[in-house]
C-alpha atoms as a PDB file:
ATOM      1  CA  MET A   1      23.866 102.002  83.323  1.00  0.00           C
ATOM      2  CA  PRO A   2      26.286 102.664  80.427  1.00  0.00           C
ATOM      3  CA  GLY A   3      25.984 105.836  78.561  1.00  0.00           C
ATOM      4  CA  PHE A   4      24.585 109.314  79.714  1.00  0.00           C
ATOM      5  CA  LEU A   5      21.636 107.914  81.643  1.00  0.00           C
ATOM      6  CA  PRO A   6      21.752 107.305  85.127  1.00  0.00           C
ATOM      7  CA  ASN A   7      21.033 103.992  86.982  1.00  0.00           C
ATOM      8  CA  PHE A   8      17.313 103.955  87.672  1.00  0.00           C
ATOM      9  CA  CYS A   9      17.706 100.795  89.445  1.00  0.00           C
ATOM     10  CA  ALA A  10      20.053 102.597  92.073  1.00  0.00           C
ATOM     11  CA  ASN A  11      18.309 103.580  95.353  1.00  0.00           C
ATOM     12  CA  THR A  12      20.056 107.098  95.294  1.00  0.00           C
ATOM     13  CA  THR A  13      18.528 107.736  91.778  1.00  0.00           C
ATOM     14  CA  VAL A  14      15.108 106.758  92.825  1.00  0.00           C
ATOM     15  CA  PHE A  15      15.207 108.643  95.989  1.00  0.00           C
ATOM     16  CA  LEU A  16      16.437 111.818  94.043  1.00  0.00           C
ATOM     17  CA  THR A  17      13.811 111.275  91.410  1.00  0.00           C
ATOM     18  CA  VAL A  18      10.778 110.771  93.797  1.00  0.00           C
ATOM     19  CA  LEU A  19      12.215 113.925  95.760  1.00  0.00           C
ATOM     20  CA  LEU A  20      12.144 116.341  92.638  1.00  0.00           C
ATOM     21  CA  ALA A  21       8.818 114.802  91.612  1.00  0.00           C
ATOM     22  CA  GLU A  22       7.400 115.903  94.866  1.00  0.00           C
ATOM     23  CA  LEU A  23       8.816 119.414  94.477  1.00  0.00           C
ATOM     24  CA  PHE A  24       7.216 119.466  91.062  1.00  0.00           C
ATOM     25  CA  ALA A  25       3.914 118.450  92.544  1.00  0.00           C
ATOM     26  CA  LEU A  26       4.093 121.199  95.258  1.00  0.00           C
ATOM     27  CA  VAL A  27       4.634 123.825  92.529  1.00  0.00           C
ATOM     28  CA  LEU A  28       1.671 122.528  90.444  1.00  0.00           C
ATOM     29  CA  ALA A  29      -0.617 122.645  93.659  1.00  0.00           C
ATOM     30  CA  LEU A  30       0.567 126.027  94.412  1.00  0.00           C
ATOM     31  CA  SER A  31      -0.366 127.313  90.957  1.00  0.00           C
ATOM     32  CA  GLU A  32      -3.928 125.716  90.989  1.00  0.00           C
ATOM     33  CA  ALA A  33      -5.213 126.251  94.622  1.00  0.00           C
ATOM     34  CA  ASP A  34      -7.014 129.322  95.573  1.00  0.00           C
ATOM     35  CA  ARG A  35      -7.473 128.463  99.287  1.00  0.00           C
ATOM     36  CA  LEU A  36      -5.561 126.600 102.019  1.00  0.00           C
ATOM     37  CA  GLY A  37      -7.927 123.851 102.011  1.00  0.00           C
ATOM     38  CA  ASP A  38      -7.960 123.336  98.244  1.00  0.00           C
ATOM     39  CA  PHE A  39      -4.159 123.503  98.233  1.00  0.00           C
ATOM     40  CA  TRP A  40      -3.697 120.565 100.706  1.00  0.00           C
ATOM     41  CA  ASN A  41      -6.410 118.515  98.680  1.00  0.00           C
ATOM     42  CA  ARG A  42      -4.809 119.345  95.403  1.00  0.00           C
ATOM     43  CA  LEU A  43      -1.315 118.624  96.752  1.00  0.00           C
ATOM     44  CA  ALA A  44      -2.324 115.066  97.966  1.00  0.00           C
ATOM     45  CA  LEU A  45      -4.077 114.203  94.607  1.00  0.00           C
ATOM     46  CA  ILE A  46      -1.257 115.701  92.453  1.00  0.00           C
ATOM     47  CA  SER A  47       1.405 113.960  94.377  1.00  0.00           C
ATOM     48  CA  LEU A  48      -0.158 110.874  94.122  1.00  0.00           C
ATOM     49  CA  PHE A  49      -0.502 111.027  90.385  1.00  0.00           C
ATOM     50  CA  VAL A  50       2.981 112.437  89.756  1.00  0.00           C
ATOM     51  CA  GLN A  51       4.533 109.745  91.992  1.00  0.00           C
ATOM     52  CA  TRP A  52       2.770 107.091  90.190  1.00  0.00           C
ATOM     53  CA  VAL A  53       4.051 108.495  86.901  1.00  0.00           C
ATOM     54  CA  VAL A  54       7.477 109.041  88.163  1.00  0.00           C
ATOM     55  CA  LEU A  55       7.947 105.657  89.844  1.00  0.00           C
ATOM     56  CA  GLY A  56       6.462 103.792  86.796  1.00  0.00           C
ATOM     57  CA  ALA A  57       8.688 105.533  84.385  1.00  0.00           C
ATOM     58  CA  ALA A  58      11.617 104.704  86.686  1.00  0.00           C
ATOM     59  CA  ALA A  59      10.776 101.118  86.909  1.00  0.00           C
ATOM     60  CA  VAL A  60      10.336 100.952  83.024  1.00  0.00           C
ATOM     61  CA  LEU A  61      13.592 102.477  82.408  1.00  0.00           C
ATOM     62  CA  CYS A  62      15.308 100.207  85.136  1.00  0.00           C
ATOM     63  CA  LEU A  63      13.867  97.015  83.258  1.00  0.00           C
ATOM     64  CA  SER A  64      14.894  98.411  79.882  1.00  0.00           C
ATOM     65  CA  ARG A  65      18.598  99.509  81.032  1.00  0.00           C
ATOM     66  CA  ARG A  66      20.299  96.726  79.099  1.00  0.00           C
ATOM     67  CA  TRP A  67      18.358  97.678  75.882  1.00  0.00           C
ATOM     68  CA  LEU A  68      18.855 101.330  76.472  1.00  0.00           C
ATOM     69  CA  ALA A  69      22.640 100.811  77.010  1.00  0.00           C
ATOM     70  CA  GLN A  70      23.159  99.492  73.601  1.00  0.00           C
ATOM     71  CA  LEU A  71      21.726 102.651  71.861  1.00  0.00           C
ATOM     72  CA  GLY A  72      23.488 105.964  70.960  1.00  0.00           C
ATOM     73  CA  PRO A  73      22.754 109.224  72.551  1.00  0.00           C
ATOM     74  CA  ALA A  74      20.064 110.201  69.739  1.00  0.00           C
ATOM     75  CA  ALA A  75      18.277 106.746  70.006  1.00  0.00           C
ATOM     76  CA  ALA A  76      18.514 106.399  73.721  1.00  0.00           C
ATOM     77  CA  THR A  77      16.878 109.977  74.073  1.00  0.00           C
ATOM     78  CA  CYS A  78      14.006 108.970  71.668  1.00  0.00           C
ATOM     79  CA  ALA A  79      13.325 105.788  73.439  1.00  0.00           C
ATOM     80  CA  VAL A  80      13.248 107.326  76.914  1.00  0.00           C
ATOM     81  CA  PHE A  81      11.049 110.005  75.673  1.00  0.00           C
ATOM     82  CA  GLY A  82       8.586 107.515  73.973  1.00  0.00           C
ATOM     83  CA  LEU A  83       8.681 105.133  77.204  1.00  0.00           C
ATOM     84  CA  THR A  84       7.883 108.315  79.500  1.00  0.00           C
ATOM     85  CA  GLN A  85       5.053 109.295  77.211  1.00  0.00           C
ATOM     86  CA  LEU A  86       3.474 105.783  77.329  1.00  0.00           C
ATOM     87  CA  VAL A  87       3.652 105.661  80.883  1.00  0.00           C
ATOM     88  CA  THR A  88       2.156 109.153  81.345  1.00  0.00           C
ATOM     89  CA  LEU A  89      -0.671 108.087  78.787  1.00  0.00           C
ATOM     90  CA  GLY A  90      -1.283 104.984  80.806  1.00  0.00           C
ATOM     91  CA  PHE A  91      -1.794 106.516  84.216  1.00  0.00           C
ATOM     92  CA  SER A  92      -3.313 109.603  82.623  1.00  0.00           C
ATOM     93  CA  LEU A  93      -6.226 107.091  81.610  1.00  0.00           C
ATOM     94  CA  LEU A  94      -6.212 105.197  84.877  1.00  0.00           C
ATOM     95  CA  GLY A  95      -6.130 107.907  87.186  1.00  0.00           C
ATOM     96  CA  GLY A  96      -7.518 110.965  85.412  1.00  0.00           C
ATOM     97  CA  GLY A  97     -10.740 110.437  87.266  1.00  0.00           C
ATOM     98  CA  PHE A  98      -9.257 111.559  90.419  1.00  0.00           C
ATOM     99  CA  LEU A  99      -7.609 114.620  89.182  1.00  0.00           C
ATOM    100  CA  ASN A 100     -10.069 115.878  86.561  1.00  0.00           C
ATOM    101  CA  PRO A 101     -11.444 119.292  87.304  1.00  0.00           C
ATOM    102  CA  SER A 102     -15.015 117.858  86.647  1.00  0.00           C
ATOM    103  CA  PRO A 103     -15.687 115.001  89.031  1.00  0.00           C
ATOM    104  CA  GLU A 104     -18.692 113.954  87.146  1.00  0.00           C
ATOM    105  CA  LEU A 105     -16.589 112.774  84.183  1.00  0.00           C
ATOM    106  CA  VAL A 106     -15.099 109.435  84.683  1.00  0.00           C
ATOM    107  CA  ILE A 107     -13.272 109.268  81.629  1.00  0.00           C
ATOM    108  CA  PRO A 108     -10.247 112.193  81.540  1.00  0.00           C
ATOM    109  CA  SER A 109     -10.838 114.660  78.978  1.00  0.00           C
ATOM    110  CA  LEU A 110      -8.413 114.983  75.847  1.00  0.00           C
ATOM    111  CA  ALA A 111      -7.358 118.343  77.271  1.00  0.00           C
ATOM    112  CA  PHE A 112      -6.143 116.739  80.480  1.00  0.00           C
ATOM    113  CA  ILE A 113      -4.297 113.944  78.788  1.00  0.00           C
ATOM    114  CA  ALA A 114      -2.908 116.389  76.404  1.00  0.00           C
ATOM    115  CA  ARG A 115      -1.554 118.527  79.187  1.00  0.00           C
ATOM    116  CA  ASN A 116      -0.095 115.730  81.292  1.00  0.00           C
ATOM    117  CA  LEU A 117       1.725 114.457  77.978  1.00  0.00           C
ATOM    118  CA  ALA A 118       3.268 117.905  77.223  1.00  0.00           C
ATOM    119  CA  ILE A 119       4.532 118.506  80.815  1.00  0.00           C
ATOM    120  CA  ALA A 120       6.008 114.971  81.100  1.00  0.00           C
ATOM    121  CA  GLY A 121       7.586 115.485  77.542  1.00  0.00           C
ATOM    122  CA  ILE A 122       8.995 119.046  78.505  1.00  0.00           C
ATOM    123  CA  ILE A 123      10.407 117.537  82.056  1.00  0.00           C
ATOM    124  CA  THR A 124      11.846 114.367  80.302  1.00  0.00           C
ATOM    125  CA  LEU A 125      13.632 116.535  77.674  1.00  0.00           C
ATOM    126  CA  ILE A 126      15.185 118.844  80.366  1.00  0.00           C
ATOM    127  CA  ALA A 127      16.102 115.918  82.519  1.00  0.00           C
ATOM    128  CA  LEU A 128      17.807 114.227  79.532  1.00  0.00           C
ATOM    129  CA  ARG A 129      19.706 117.445  78.521  1.00  0.00           C
ATOM    130  CA  TYR A 130      20.896 117.504  82.020  1.00  0.00           C
ATOM    131  CA  PHE A 131      21.858 113.841  82.127  1.00  0.00           C
ATOM    132  CA  TYR A 132      23.817 114.264  78.958  1.00  0.00           C
ATOM    133  CA  ILE A 133      25.669 117.432  79.915  1.00  0.00           C
ATOM    134  CA  ARG A 134      26.515 115.772  83.384  1.00  0.00           C
ATOM    135  CA  HIS A 135      27.931 112.731  81.696  1.00  0.00           C
ATOM    136  CA  GLN A 136      30.045 114.879  79.313  1.00  0.00           C
ATOM    137  CA  TRP A 137      31.411 116.711  82.233  1.00  0.00           C
ATOM    138  CA  GLN A 138      32.257 113.663  84.083  1.00  0.00           C
ATOM    139  CA  GLN A 139      33.994 112.242  80.966  1.00  0.00           C
ATOM    140  CA  GLN A 140      36.043 115.464  80.796  1.00  0.00           C
ATOM    141  CA  ILE A 141      36.910 115.237  84.515  1.00  0.00           C
ATOM    142  CA  GLU A 142      38.048 111.571  84.169  1.00  0.00           C
ATOM    143  CA  ALA A 143      40.019 112.348  81.094  1.00  0.00           C
ATOM    144  CA  GLU A 144      41.660 115.191  82.895  1.00  0.00           C
ATOM    145  CA  SER A 145      42.202 112.893  86.076  1.00  0.00           C
ATOM    146  CA  ARG A 146      43.896 110.084  83.810  1.00  0.00           C
ATOM    147  CA  ALA A 147      46.120 112.807  82.165  1.00  0.00           C
ATOM    148  CA  ARG A 148      47.266 114.060  85.554  1.00  0.00           C
ATOM    149  CA  LEU A 149      47.809 110.386  86.742  1.00  0.00           C
ATOM    150  CA  ARG A 150      49.902 109.719  83.574  1.00  0.00           C
ATOM    151  CA  ALA A 151      51.837 112.833  84.378  1.00  0.00           C
ATOM    152  CA  LEU A 152      52.294 111.602  88.078  1.00  0.00           C
ATOM    153  CA  GLN A 153      53.497 108.262  86.848  1.00  0.00           C
ATOM    154  CA  ALA A 154      55.877 109.831  84.600  1.00  0.00           C
ATOM    155  CA  ARG A 155      57.318 112.191  87.272  1.00  0.00           C
ATOM    156  CA  ILE A 156      60.339 110.476  88.636  1.00  0.00           C
ATOM    157  CA  HIS A 157      62.178 113.264  90.570  1.00  0.00           C
ATOM    158  CA  PRO A 158      65.653 113.721  89.151  1.00  0.00           C
ATOM    159  CA  HIS A 159      67.225 114.210  92.452  1.00  0.00           C
ATOM    160  CA  PHE A 160      65.563 110.977  93.850  1.00  0.00           C
ATOM    161  CA  LEU A 161      66.884 108.887  90.855  1.00  0.00           C
ATOM    162  CA  PHE A 162      70.455 110.515  90.939  1.00  0.00           C
ATOM    163  CA  ASN A 163      70.727 109.902  94.785  1.00  0.00           C
ATOM    164  CA  THR A 164      69.620 106.265  94.415  1.00  0.00           C
ATOM    165  CA  LEU A 165      72.029 105.357  91.500  1.00  0.00           C
ATOM    166  CA  ASN A 166      74.736 107.067  93.528  1.00  0.00           C
ATOM    167  CA  THR A 167      73.773 104.970  96.564  1.00  0.00           C
ATOM    168  CA  ILE A 168      73.698 101.757  94.514  1.00  0.00           C
ATOM    169  CA  ALA A 169      77.198 102.608  93.292  1.00  0.00           C
ATOM    170  CA  SER A 170      78.578 102.949  96.518  1.00  0.00           C
ATOM    171  CA  LEU A 171      77.077  99.793  97.783  1.00  0.00           C
ATOM    172  CA  ILE A 172      78.179  97.679  94.835  1.00  0.00           C
ATOM    173  CA  PRO A 173      81.990  97.206  96.144  1.00  0.00           C
ATOM    174  CA  GLY A 174      81.262  96.212  99.886  1.00  0.00           C
ATOM    175  CA  GLN A 175      77.687  95.402 100.059  1.00  0.00           C
ATOM    176  CA  PRO A 176      76.786  93.713  96.591  1.00  0.00           C
ATOM    177  CA  ASP A 177      73.546  92.190  98.136  1.00  0.00           C
ATOM    178  CA  GLN A 178      72.022  95.557  99.474  1.00  0.00           C
ATOM    179  CA  ALA A 179      73.024  97.103  95.852  1.00  0.00           C
ATOM    180  CA  GLU A 180      71.189  94.207  93.924  1.00  0.00           C
ATOM    181  CA  GLN A 181      68.038  94.716  96.162  1.00  0.00           C
ATOM    182  CA  ALA A 182      68.143  98.530  95.804  1.00  0.00           C
ATOM    183  CA  VAL A 183      68.200  97.732  91.908  1.00  0.00           C
ATOM    184  CA  LEU A 184      65.131  95.594  92.261  1.00  0.00           C
ATOM    185  CA  ASP A 185      63.190  97.971  94.419  1.00  0.00           C
ATOM    186  CA  LEU A 186      64.136 100.715  91.784  1.00  0.00           C
ATOM    187  CA  ALA A 187      62.846  98.574  89.067  1.00  0.00           C
ATOM    188  CA  ASP A 188      59.483  97.973  90.706  1.00  0.00           C
ATOM    189  CA  LEU A 189      59.171 101.780  91.246  1.00  0.00           C
ATOM    190  CA  LEU A 190      59.706 102.388  87.668  1.00  0.00           C
ATOM    191  CA  ARG A 191      57.533  99.670  86.499  1.00  0.00           C
ATOM    192  CA  SER A 192      54.696 100.831  88.555  1.00  0.00           C
ATOM    193  CA  ALA A 193      55.250 104.438  87.105  1.00  0.00           C
ATOM    194  CA  LEU A 194      54.899 103.103  83.691  1.00  0.00           C
ATOM    195  CA  ALA A 195      52.010 100.791  84.293  1.00  0.00           C
ATOM    196  CA  ASP A 196      48.910 101.364  82.117  1.00  0.00           C
ATOM    197  CA  ARG A 197      46.331 100.904  85.051  1.00  0.00           C
ATOM    198  CA  THR A 198      44.346 103.093  87.284  1.00  0.00           C
ATOM    199  CA  SER A 199      43.606 100.782  90.249  1.00  0.00           C
ATOM    200  CA  ILE A 200      45.821  98.727  92.285  1.00  0.00           C
ATOM    201  CA  PRO A 201      45.222  96.361  95.266  1.00  0.00           C
ATOM    202  CA  LEU A 202      46.035  97.468  98.699  1.00  0.00           C
ATOM    203  CA  THR A 203      48.939  94.919  99.238  1.00  0.00           C
ATOM    204  CA  GLU A 204      50.393  96.099  96.161  1.00  0.00           C
ATOM    205  CA  GLU A 205      50.392  99.644  96.966  1.00  0.00           C
ATOM    206  CA  LEU A 206      51.830  98.866 100.556  1.00  0.00           C
ATOM    207  CA  GLU A 207      54.563  96.778  98.842  1.00  0.00           C
ATOM    208  CA  LEU A 208      55.412  99.507  96.330  1.00  0.00           C
ATOM    209  CA  THR A 209      55.645 102.017  99.379  1.00  0.00           C
ATOM    210  CA  ARG A 210      57.844  99.753 101.547  1.00  0.00           C
ATOM    211  CA  ARG A 211      60.266  99.257  98.426  1.00  0.00           C
ATOM    212  CA  TYR A 212      60.381 103.147  98.050  1.00  0.00           C
ATOM    213  CA  LEU A 213      61.203 103.517 101.748  1.00  0.00           C
ATOM    214  CA  ALA A 214      63.833 100.720 101.542  1.00  0.00           C
ATOM    215  CA  ILE A 215      65.576 102.998  98.875  1.00  0.00           C
ATOM    216  CA  GLU A 216      65.332 106.103 101.122  1.00  0.00           C
ATOM    217  CA  ARG A 217      66.526 104.164 104.072  1.00  0.00           C
ATOM    218  CA  LEU A 218      69.796 103.278 102.347  1.00  0.00           C
ATOM    219  CA  ARG A 219      70.409 106.988 101.573  1.00  0.00           C
ATOM    220  CA  MET A 220      69.202 108.470 104.786  1.00  0.00           C
ATOM    221  CA  GLY A 221      70.330 105.711 107.154  1.00  0.00           C
ATOM    222  CA  GLU A 222      69.054 105.959 110.814  1.00  0.00           C
ATOM    223  CA  ARG A 223      67.666 109.574 110.088  1.00  0.00           C
ATOM    224  CA  LEU A 224      64.679 107.844 108.700  1.00  0.00           C
ATOM    225  CA  ILE A 225      62.413 105.841 110.982  1.00  0.00           C
ATOM    226  CA  VAL A 226      59.122 104.428 109.737  1.00  0.00           C
ATOM    227  CA  ASP A 227      56.462 103.458 112.090  1.00  0.00           C
ATOM    228  CA  TRP A 228      53.854 101.302 110.525  1.00  0.00           C
ATOM    229  CA  GLN A 229      50.421 101.047 112.443  1.00  0.00           C
ATOM    230  CA  LEU A 230      48.256  98.698 110.267  1.00  0.00           C
ATOM    231  CA  ALA A 231      45.086  97.554 111.345  1.00  0.00           C
ATOM    232  CA  GLU A 232      45.017  93.525 111.588  1.00  0.00           C
ATOM    233  CA  ASP A 233      41.844  93.123 109.484  1.00  0.00           C
ATOM    234  CA  LEU A 234      42.957  95.092 106.455  1.00  0.00           C
ATOM    235  CA  PRO A 235      41.220  93.897 103.250  1.00  0.00           C
ATOM    236  CA  LEU A 236      44.709  93.726 101.308  1.00  0.00           C
ATOM    237  CA  ASP A 237      43.001  92.586  98.210  1.00  0.00           C
ATOM    238  CA  MET A 238      40.791  95.830  98.060  1.00  0.00           C
ATOM    239  CA  PRO A 239      41.308  97.964  94.826  1.00  0.00           C
ATOM    240  CA  LEU A 240      42.215 101.539  95.354  1.00  0.00           C
ATOM    241  CA  PRO A 241      43.085 104.163  92.807  1.00  0.00           C
ATOM    242  CA  LEU A 242      46.957 103.843  91.795  1.00  0.00           C
ATOM    243  CA  LEU A 243      49.712 105.919  93.531  1.00  0.00           C
ATOM    244  CA  VAL A 244      47.786 107.309  96.195  1.00  0.00           C
ATOM    245  CA  LEU A 245      50.005 106.376  99.019  1.00  0.00           C
ATOM    246  CA  GLN A 246      53.576 106.421  97.717  1.00  0.00           C
ATOM    247  CA  PRO A 247      53.620 110.019  96.573  1.00  0.00           C
ATOM    248  CA  LEU A 248      52.450 111.269  99.857  1.00  0.00           C
ATOM    249  CA  VAL A 249      55.251 109.393 101.491  1.00  0.00           C
ATOM    250  CA  GLU A 250      57.571 110.719  99.175  1.00  0.00           C
ATOM    251  CA  ASN A 251      56.528 114.195  99.905  1.00  0.00           C
ATOM    252  CA  ALA A 252      56.742 113.513 103.500  1.00  0.00           C
ATOM    253  CA  ILE A 253      60.541 112.707 103.091  1.00  0.00           C
ATOM    254  CA  ARG A 254      61.258 115.280 100.538  1.00  0.00           C
ATOM    255  CA  HIS A 255      59.693 118.179 102.086  1.00  0.00           C
ATOM    256  CA  GLY A 256      59.908 117.141 105.728  1.00  0.00           C
ATOM    257  CA  LEU A 257      62.198 114.552 107.049  1.00  0.00           C
ATOM    258  CA  GLN A 258      65.394 115.151 104.706  1.00  0.00           C
ATOM    259  CA  ARG A 259      65.159 118.870 105.664  1.00  0.00           C
ATOM    260  CA  LEU A 260      65.546 118.133 109.487  1.00  0.00           C
ATOM    261  CA  PRO A 261      69.590 117.391 110.230  1.00  0.00           C
ATOM    262  CA  GLU A 262      68.314 114.893 112.803  1.00  0.00           C
ATOM    263  CA  GLY A 263      65.828 113.234 110.448  1.00  0.00           C
ATOM    264  CA  GLY A 264      62.451 111.902 112.295  1.00  0.00           C
ATOM    265  CA  THR A 265      59.854 109.301 112.390  1.00  0.00           C
ATOM    266  CA  LEU A 266      57.278 108.904 109.594  1.00  0.00           C
ATOM    267  CA  THR A 267      54.120 107.496 110.942  1.00  0.00           C
ATOM    268  CA  LEU A 268      52.085 105.597 108.610  1.00  0.00           C
ATOM    269  CA  ARG A 269      48.613 104.531 110.044  1.00  0.00           C
ATOM    270  CA  ILE A 270      45.723 102.578 108.373  1.00  0.00           C
ATOM    271  CA  ASP A 271      42.681 102.079 110.533  1.00  0.00           C
ATOM    272  CA  ARG A 272      39.634 100.043 109.730  1.00  0.00           C
ATOM    273  CA  GLN A 273      36.320 101.664 110.360  1.00  0.00           C
ATOM    274  CA  PRO A 274      32.958 100.072 109.904  1.00  0.00           C
ATOM    275  CA  ALA A 275      32.583 101.779 106.439  1.00  0.00           C
ATOM    276  CA  ALA A 276      35.955 102.689 105.280  1.00  0.00           C
ATOM    277  CA  LEU A 277      39.897 102.461 105.578  1.00  0.00           C
ATOM    278  CA  CYS A 278      41.302 105.629 107.053  1.00  0.00           C
ATOM    279  CA  PHE A 279      44.953 106.640 105.952  1.00  0.00           C
ATOM    280  CA  THR A 280      47.028 108.870 108.046  1.00  0.00           C
ATOM    281  CA  LEU A 281      50.477 109.925 107.309  1.00  0.00           C
ATOM    282  CA  VAL A 282      52.343 112.089 110.078  1.00  0.00           C
ATOM    283  CA  ASN A 283      55.957 113.597 109.674  1.00  0.00           C
ATOM    284  CA  PRO A 284      57.895 116.208 111.499  1.00  0.00           C
ATOM    285  CA  CYS A 285      58.900 119.311 109.390  1.00  0.00           C
ATOM    286  CA  LEU A 286      60.582 122.788 109.831  1.00  0.00           C
ATOM    287  CA  GLN A 287      57.671 124.876 111.122  1.00  0.00           C
ATOM    288  CA  GLU A 288      58.736 127.908 109.298  1.00  0.00           C
ATOM    289  CA  ASP A 289      59.063 126.175 105.727  1.00  0.00           C
ATOM    290  CA  ALA A 290      56.173 123.702 106.020  1.00  0.00           C
ATOM    291  CA  PRO A 291      53.408 125.953 104.665  1.00  0.00           C
ATOM    292  CA  GLN A 292      55.360 127.577 101.852  1.00  0.00           C
ATOM    293  CA  HIS A 293      57.701 124.761 100.654  1.00  0.00           C
ATOM    294  CA  GLY A 294      56.558 122.793  97.440  1.00  0.00           C
ATOM    295  CA  GLN A 295      53.832 123.100  94.862  1.00  0.00           C
ATOM    296  CA  HIS A 296      51.493 120.306  96.211  1.00  0.00           C
ATOM    297  CA  ILE A 297      51.336 118.766  92.671  1.00  0.00           C
ATOM    298  CA  ALA A 298      51.197 115.150  93.973  1.00  0.00           C
ATOM    299  CA  GLN A 299      48.607 116.210  96.670  1.00  0.00           C
ATOM    300  CA  ASP A 300      46.216 118.057  94.513  1.00  0.00           C
ATOM    301  CA  ASN A 301      46.428 115.083  91.950  1.00  0.00           C
ATOM    302  CA  ILE A 302      45.531 112.690  94.675  1.00  0.00           C
ATOM    303  CA  ARG A 303      42.794 114.922  96.170  1.00  0.00           C
ATOM    304  CA  GLN A 304      41.146 115.133  92.556  1.00  0.00           C
ATOM    305  CA  ARG A 305      41.503 111.460  92.039  1.00  0.00           C
ATOM    306  CA  LEU A 306      39.966 110.635  95.228  1.00  0.00           C
ATOM    307  CA  ALA A 307      37.101 112.788  94.846  1.00  0.00           C
ATOM    308  CA  LEU A 308      36.355 111.297  91.640  1.00  0.00           C
ATOM    309  CA  ALA A 309      36.616 107.848  92.521  1.00  0.00           C
ATOM    310  CA  TYR A 310      34.841 108.262  96.060  1.00  0.00           C
ATOM    311  CA  PRO A 311      32.499 111.418  95.581  1.00  0.00           C
ATOM    312  CA  MET A 312      30.601 110.839  99.061  1.00  0.00           C
ATOM    313  CA  ALA A 313      33.830 110.229 101.015  1.00  0.00           C
ATOM    314  CA  PRO A 314      35.596 113.192 102.997  1.00  0.00           C
ATOM    315  CA  PRO A 315      38.289 114.864 100.968  1.00  0.00           C
ATOM    316  CA  LEU A 316      42.026 114.574 101.564  1.00  0.00           C
ATOM    317  CA  GLU A 317      42.845 116.630 104.647  1.00  0.00           C
ATOM    318  CA  ILE A 318      46.081 118.374 105.393  1.00  0.00           C
ATOM    319  CA  VAL A 319      46.714 119.669 108.853  1.00  0.00           C
ATOM    320  CA  GLU A 320      49.986 121.610 109.680  1.00  0.00           C
ATOM    321  CA  THR A 321      50.927 122.260 113.410  1.00  0.00           C
ATOM    322  CA  ALA A 322      54.047 123.316 115.209  1.00  0.00           C
ATOM    323  CA  GLY A 323      56.642 120.972 113.700  1.00  0.00           C
ATOM    324  CA  GLN A 324      54.224 118.425 112.397  1.00  0.00           C
ATOM    325  CA  TYR A 325      52.688 117.648 108.861  1.00  0.00           C
ATOM    326  CA  ARG A 326      49.522 115.389 108.972  1.00  0.00           C
ATOM    327  CA  VAL A 327      47.757 114.062 105.794  1.00  0.00           C
ATOM    328  CA  THR A 328      44.489 112.144 106.165  1.00  0.00           C
ATOM    329  CA  PHE A 329      41.991 110.589 103.537  1.00  0.00           C
ATOM    330  CA  THR A 330      39.593 107.821 103.505  1.00  0.00           C
ATOM    331  CA  ILE A 331      38.662 104.773 101.105  1.00  0.00           C
ATOM    332  CA  PRO A 332      35.288 103.411 101.539  1.00  0.00           C
ATOM    333  CA  LEU A 333      34.994  99.919 101.743  1.00  0.00           C
ATOM    334  CA  THR A 334      31.513  99.995  99.998  1.00  0.00           C
ATOM    335  CA  PRO A 335      30.409 102.766  97.613  1.00  0.00           C
ATOM    336  CA  GLU A 336      29.415 106.070  98.886  1.00  0.00           C
ATOM    337  CA  MET A 337      30.074 105.157 102.772  1.00  0.00           C
ATOM    338  CA  PRO A 338      32.438 107.648 104.394  1.00  0.00           C
ATOM    339  CA  CYS A 339      34.731 107.061 107.248  1.00  0.00           C
ATOM    340  CA  ALA A 340      33.575 107.739 110.548  1.00  0.00           C
ATOM    341  CA  SER A 341      35.402 110.516 112.478  1.00  0.00           C
END
């Protein structure tokens, strides 16, 4: 649901709403019951009434989501408050006979109705305030993430650019075809760095990474070996956040392989699990320098953007062992479904 209101049609929202409503019913039952037997009876009746109201309000808000999405924050607040009050009033009139302290009264008293409306109004305003603050916080996090993405896109390492141009210049006299291909690969990298978008298909991210590796292979020669281990049934058209794979490959080469005189093998594996794609990058490194070298700017950027895009997935994981550096992260195939270990 656009705006600061959550999607009351989503299963997660409904479950959390029912859970919080039951906790509220438990508090009311504890405050009213003097004996254990009275407590269980009151809890059953109060839970029944509270769940009626909560589920009824959630259903009304779900059906009204398109209309509410067109309203501003103030108008949406008034509309939600009015709808929840109407739902509370309706269930108070229908179910008041079960909860009224005086069983002989079939029609609920005005005090009973007023108390329910007051409690529902206070809880609604508190919830709306929480939703609004949470929405503002999410917008701030998203704005910060977009700013960091733009910084990452603009961060073309000077040494990489300088070395690439030197490599191209050295190839022009004797290997003009390779020099031309290197220019095309560099142009694609720069085009992606300047692109105004936040997501990219998996196939395009893989192609971008291959072009970067092709440029580095021209510079490092046989010192750079890439072992691609890709699952056969990858969803190549699946969107994922822009620049999550290529910067990690760049880190593996800059802080790992190129520091080794003999080079080594960069392993890039993508496994398809029932619920997610698991990405793993493994590269050799100097054991004594691996924990200290670099500022982890790209890794922190990618970690934050993945956490924002997939809050239920496991975070980006880095494991440093003797002479080896491993980075693992997951991209859920469906929302909020993490990868199996």
